[in-house]
Amino acid sequence: MLEMPVLENQRLCIIATTDFDNAGSIAVMKRLGLQIAHNPQPTPPWLQVAGVLERDQWGRQVEGIGLS
C-alpha cells in the first residue's frame, strides 16, 4: 500500500510537467489519471503540458492501476 502524508486543512495534489514533444510522459500522466492542461504560451518549455491529480483522487487512481 502507498503511504501518503496527511496534513490537516491542506489542499494536496500531485503535479507533473513536461513539453509538448514528450509523448511518453504525457501518456504516463494520463495512465495515472492526472488531469492534463496545456499552456498556450511556448515558454517555459518544461511547462507546456501539466498534469494534476487532486488528493481526493489518489486512492482510486492507485487501485485503478493495480497497486495496493
N, C-alpha and C. Protein backbone atom coordinates (compact mmCIF):
# COMPACT_ATOMS: atom_id res chain seq x y z
N MET A 1 0.84 -1.18 0.00
CA MET A 1 0.00 0.00 0.00
C MET A 1 0.89 1.25 0.00
N LEU A 2 0.50 2.25 -0.78
CA LEU A 2 1.24 3.51 -0.80
C LEU A 2 0.84 4.35 0.41
N GLU A 3 1.82 4.90 1.07
CA GLU A 3 1.58 5.78 2.20
C GLU A 3 1.61 7.22 1.71
N MET A 4 0.61 8.00 2.03
CA MET A 4 0.54 9.40 1.65
C MET A 4 0.55 10.25 2.91
N PRO A 5 1.32 11.35 2.93
CA PRO A 5 1.32 12.21 4.11
C PRO A 5 -0.04 12.87 4.31
N VAL A 6 -0.42 13.06 5.55
CA VAL A 6 -1.69 13.71 5.85
C VAL A 6 -1.38 15.02 6.57
N LEU A 7 -1.81 16.11 5.99
CA LEU A 7 -1.65 17.42 6.59
C LEU A 7 -3.04 18.01 6.75
N GLU A 8 -3.39 18.37 7.97
CA GLU A 8 -4.72 18.89 8.24
C GLU A 8 -4.95 20.21 7.51
N ASN A 9 -6.14 20.35 6.94
CA ASN A 9 -6.59 21.59 6.30
C ASN A 9 -5.68 22.05 5.16
N GLN A 10 -5.05 21.13 4.49
CA GLN A 10 -4.18 21.48 3.37
C GLN A 10 -4.74 20.87 2.08
N ARG A 11 -4.65 21.61 1.01
CA ARG A 11 -5.06 21.08 -0.29
C ARG A 11 -3.81 20.48 -0.93
N LEU A 12 -3.80 19.17 -1.05
CA LEU A 12 -2.64 18.48 -1.60
C LEU A 12 -2.97 17.95 -2.98
N CYS A 13 -1.98 17.99 -3.85
CA CYS A 13 -2.14 17.41 -5.18
C CYS A 13 -0.77 17.02 -5.71
N ILE A 14 -0.77 16.19 -6.72
CA ILE A 14 0.45 15.82 -7.42
C ILE A 14 0.45 16.57 -8.73
N ILE A 15 1.57 17.21 -9.05
CA ILE A 15 1.69 17.97 -10.28
C ILE A 15 2.89 17.46 -11.06
N ALA A 16 2.70 17.22 -12.34
CA ALA A 16 3.78 16.80 -13.24
C ALA A 16 3.78 17.73 -14.45
N THR A 17 4.97 18.07 -14.94
CA THR A 17 5.07 18.95 -16.11
C THR A 17 6.02 18.36 -17.13
N THR A 18 5.81 18.73 -18.39
CA THR A 18 6.68 18.29 -19.48
C THR A 18 6.46 19.21 -20.67
N ASP A 19 7.09 18.87 -21.79
CA ASP A 19 6.89 19.65 -23.01
C ASP A 19 5.97 18.90 -23.97
N PHE A 20 5.52 19.60 -25.01
CA PHE A 20 4.58 19.01 -25.96
C PHE A 20 5.12 17.76 -26.66
N ASP A 21 6.43 17.70 -26.86
CA ASP A 21 7.04 16.60 -27.61
C ASP A 21 7.24 15.33 -26.79
N ASN A 22 7.03 15.37 -25.48
CA ASN A 22 7.30 14.21 -24.64
C ASN A 22 6.04 13.35 -24.49
N ALA A 23 5.73 12.63 -25.54
CA ALA A 23 4.52 11.81 -25.57
C ALA A 23 4.53 10.74 -24.48
N GLY A 24 5.70 10.21 -24.16
CA GLY A 24 5.80 9.18 -23.13
C GLY A 24 5.36 9.70 -21.77
N SER A 25 5.84 10.88 -21.38
CA SER A 25 5.45 11.46 -20.10
C SER A 25 3.97 11.80 -20.06
N ILE A 26 3.46 12.31 -21.15
CA ILE A 26 2.03 12.64 -21.22
C ILE A 26 1.19 11.38 -21.09
N ALA A 27 1.64 10.30 -21.71
CA ALA A 27 0.92 9.02 -21.61
C ALA A 27 0.91 8.51 -20.18
N VAL A 28 2.03 8.63 -19.48
CA VAL A 28 2.08 8.21 -18.07
C VAL A 28 1.14 9.05 -17.23
N MET A 29 1.13 10.37 -17.45
CA MET A 29 0.21 11.24 -16.71
C MET A 29 -1.23 10.79 -16.91
N LYS A 30 -1.60 10.51 -18.16
CA LYS A 30 -2.97 10.06 -18.45
C LYS A 30 -3.25 8.72 -17.81
N ARG A 31 -2.29 7.79 -17.88
CA ARG A 31 -2.46 6.45 -17.31
C ARG A 31 -2.69 6.52 -15.81
N LEU A 32 -2.03 7.46 -15.15
CA LEU A 32 -2.18 7.63 -13.71
C LEU A 32 -3.40 8.45 -13.33
N GLY A 33 -4.11 8.97 -14.33
CA GLY A 33 -5.35 9.69 -14.07
C GLY A 33 -5.19 11.17 -13.81
N LEU A 34 -4.03 11.74 -14.14
CA LEU A 34 -3.85 13.17 -13.96
C LEU A 34 -4.70 13.92 -14.98
N GLN A 35 -5.25 15.04 -14.57
CA GLN A 35 -5.97 15.91 -15.49
C GLN A 35 -4.93 16.69 -16.27
N ILE A 36 -5.00 16.67 -17.58
CA ILE A 36 -3.99 17.27 -18.44
C ILE A 36 -4.44 18.68 -18.85
N ALA A 37 -3.50 19.62 -18.72
CA ALA A 37 -3.75 21.00 -19.15
C ALA A 37 -2.60 21.44 -20.04
N HIS A 38 -2.89 22.28 -21.02
CA HIS A 38 -1.88 22.76 -21.96
C HIS A 38 -1.65 24.25 -21.77
N ASN A 39 -0.38 24.65 -21.75
CA ASN A 39 -0.01 26.05 -21.64
C ASN A 39 -0.06 26.64 -23.05
N PRO A 40 -0.85 27.68 -23.26
CA PRO A 40 -0.94 28.27 -24.61
C PRO A 40 0.32 29.04 -25.02
N GLN A 41 1.19 29.32 -24.06
CA GLN A 41 2.43 30.03 -24.35
C GLN A 41 3.55 29.03 -24.66
N PRO A 42 4.51 29.38 -25.52
CA PRO A 42 5.58 28.45 -25.86
C PRO A 42 6.66 28.32 -24.78
N THR A 43 6.66 29.21 -23.81
CA THR A 43 7.67 29.14 -22.75
C THR A 43 6.99 29.14 -21.39
N PRO A 44 7.61 28.58 -20.38
CA PRO A 44 8.86 27.83 -20.44
C PRO A 44 8.63 26.46 -21.06
N PRO A 45 9.65 25.89 -21.68
CA PRO A 45 9.46 24.63 -22.40
C PRO A 45 9.06 23.46 -21.50
N TRP A 46 9.47 23.49 -20.26
CA TRP A 46 9.12 22.39 -19.35
C TRP A 46 7.70 22.52 -18.78
N LEU A 47 7.02 23.59 -19.11
CA LEU A 47 5.66 23.80 -18.60
C LEU A 47 4.65 23.94 -19.73
N GLN A 48 4.86 23.21 -20.82
CA GLN A 48 3.91 23.25 -21.92
C GLN A 48 2.71 22.36 -21.62
N VAL A 49 2.95 21.28 -20.90
CA VAL A 49 1.87 20.36 -20.51
C VAL A 49 1.99 20.14 -19.01
N ALA A 50 0.87 20.24 -18.31
CA ALA A 50 0.85 19.99 -16.87
C ALA A 50 -0.22 18.95 -16.57
N GLY A 51 0.10 18.05 -15.67
CA GLY A 51 -0.86 17.06 -15.20
C GLY A 51 -1.08 17.26 -13.71
N VAL A 52 -2.34 17.19 -13.27
CA VAL A 52 -2.66 17.41 -11.86
C VAL A 52 -3.56 16.28 -11.37
N LEU A 53 -3.20 15.75 -10.21
CA LEU A 53 -4.03 14.73 -9.56
C LEU A 53 -4.35 15.24 -8.16
N GLU A 54 -5.62 15.55 -7.92
CA GLU A 54 -6.06 16.07 -6.63
C GLU A 54 -6.03 14.97 -5.57
N ARG A 55 -5.87 15.37 -4.33
CA ARG A 55 -5.76 14.43 -3.21
C ARG A 55 -6.92 13.45 -3.15
N ASP A 56 -8.13 13.91 -3.39
CA ASP A 56 -9.29 13.01 -3.27
C ASP A 56 -9.32 11.94 -4.35
N GLN A 57 -8.47 12.03 -5.36
CA GLN A 57 -8.42 11.03 -6.43
C GLN A 57 -7.29 10.01 -6.23
N TRP A 58 -6.38 10.23 -5.28
CA TRP A 58 -5.22 9.37 -5.12
C TRP A 58 -5.58 7.90 -4.96
N GLY A 59 -6.44 7.58 -4.02
CA GLY A 59 -6.77 6.19 -3.74
C GLY A 59 -7.38 5.47 -4.93
N ARG A 60 -8.34 6.12 -5.58
CA ARG A 60 -9.00 5.50 -6.72
C ARG A 60 -8.03 5.25 -7.86
N GLN A 61 -7.11 6.18 -8.09
CA GLN A 61 -6.17 6.03 -9.21
C GLN A 61 -5.17 4.91 -8.93
N VAL A 62 -4.70 4.78 -7.70
CA VAL A 62 -3.78 3.71 -7.34
C VAL A 62 -4.45 2.36 -7.52
N GLU A 63 -5.70 2.23 -7.08
CA GLU A 63 -6.45 1.00 -7.27
C GLU A 63 -6.62 0.69 -8.75
N GLY A 64 -6.85 1.72 -9.56
CA GLY A 64 -7.10 1.55 -10.99
C GLY A 64 -5.91 1.04 -11.77
N ILE A 65 -4.68 1.24 -11.26
CA ILE A 65 -3.50 0.75 -11.98
C ILE A 65 -2.95 -0.53 -11.38
N GLY A 66 -3.69 -1.10 -10.42
CA GLY A 66 -3.31 -2.41 -9.89
C GLY A 66 -2.29 -2.38 -8.76
N LEU A 67 -2.06 -1.23 -8.14
CA LEU A 67 -1.16 -1.17 -6.99
C LEU A 67 -1.98 -1.28 -5.72
N SER A 68 -1.41 -1.85 -4.71
CA SER A 68 -2.12 -1.91 -3.43
C SER A 68 -1.17 -1.67 -2.28
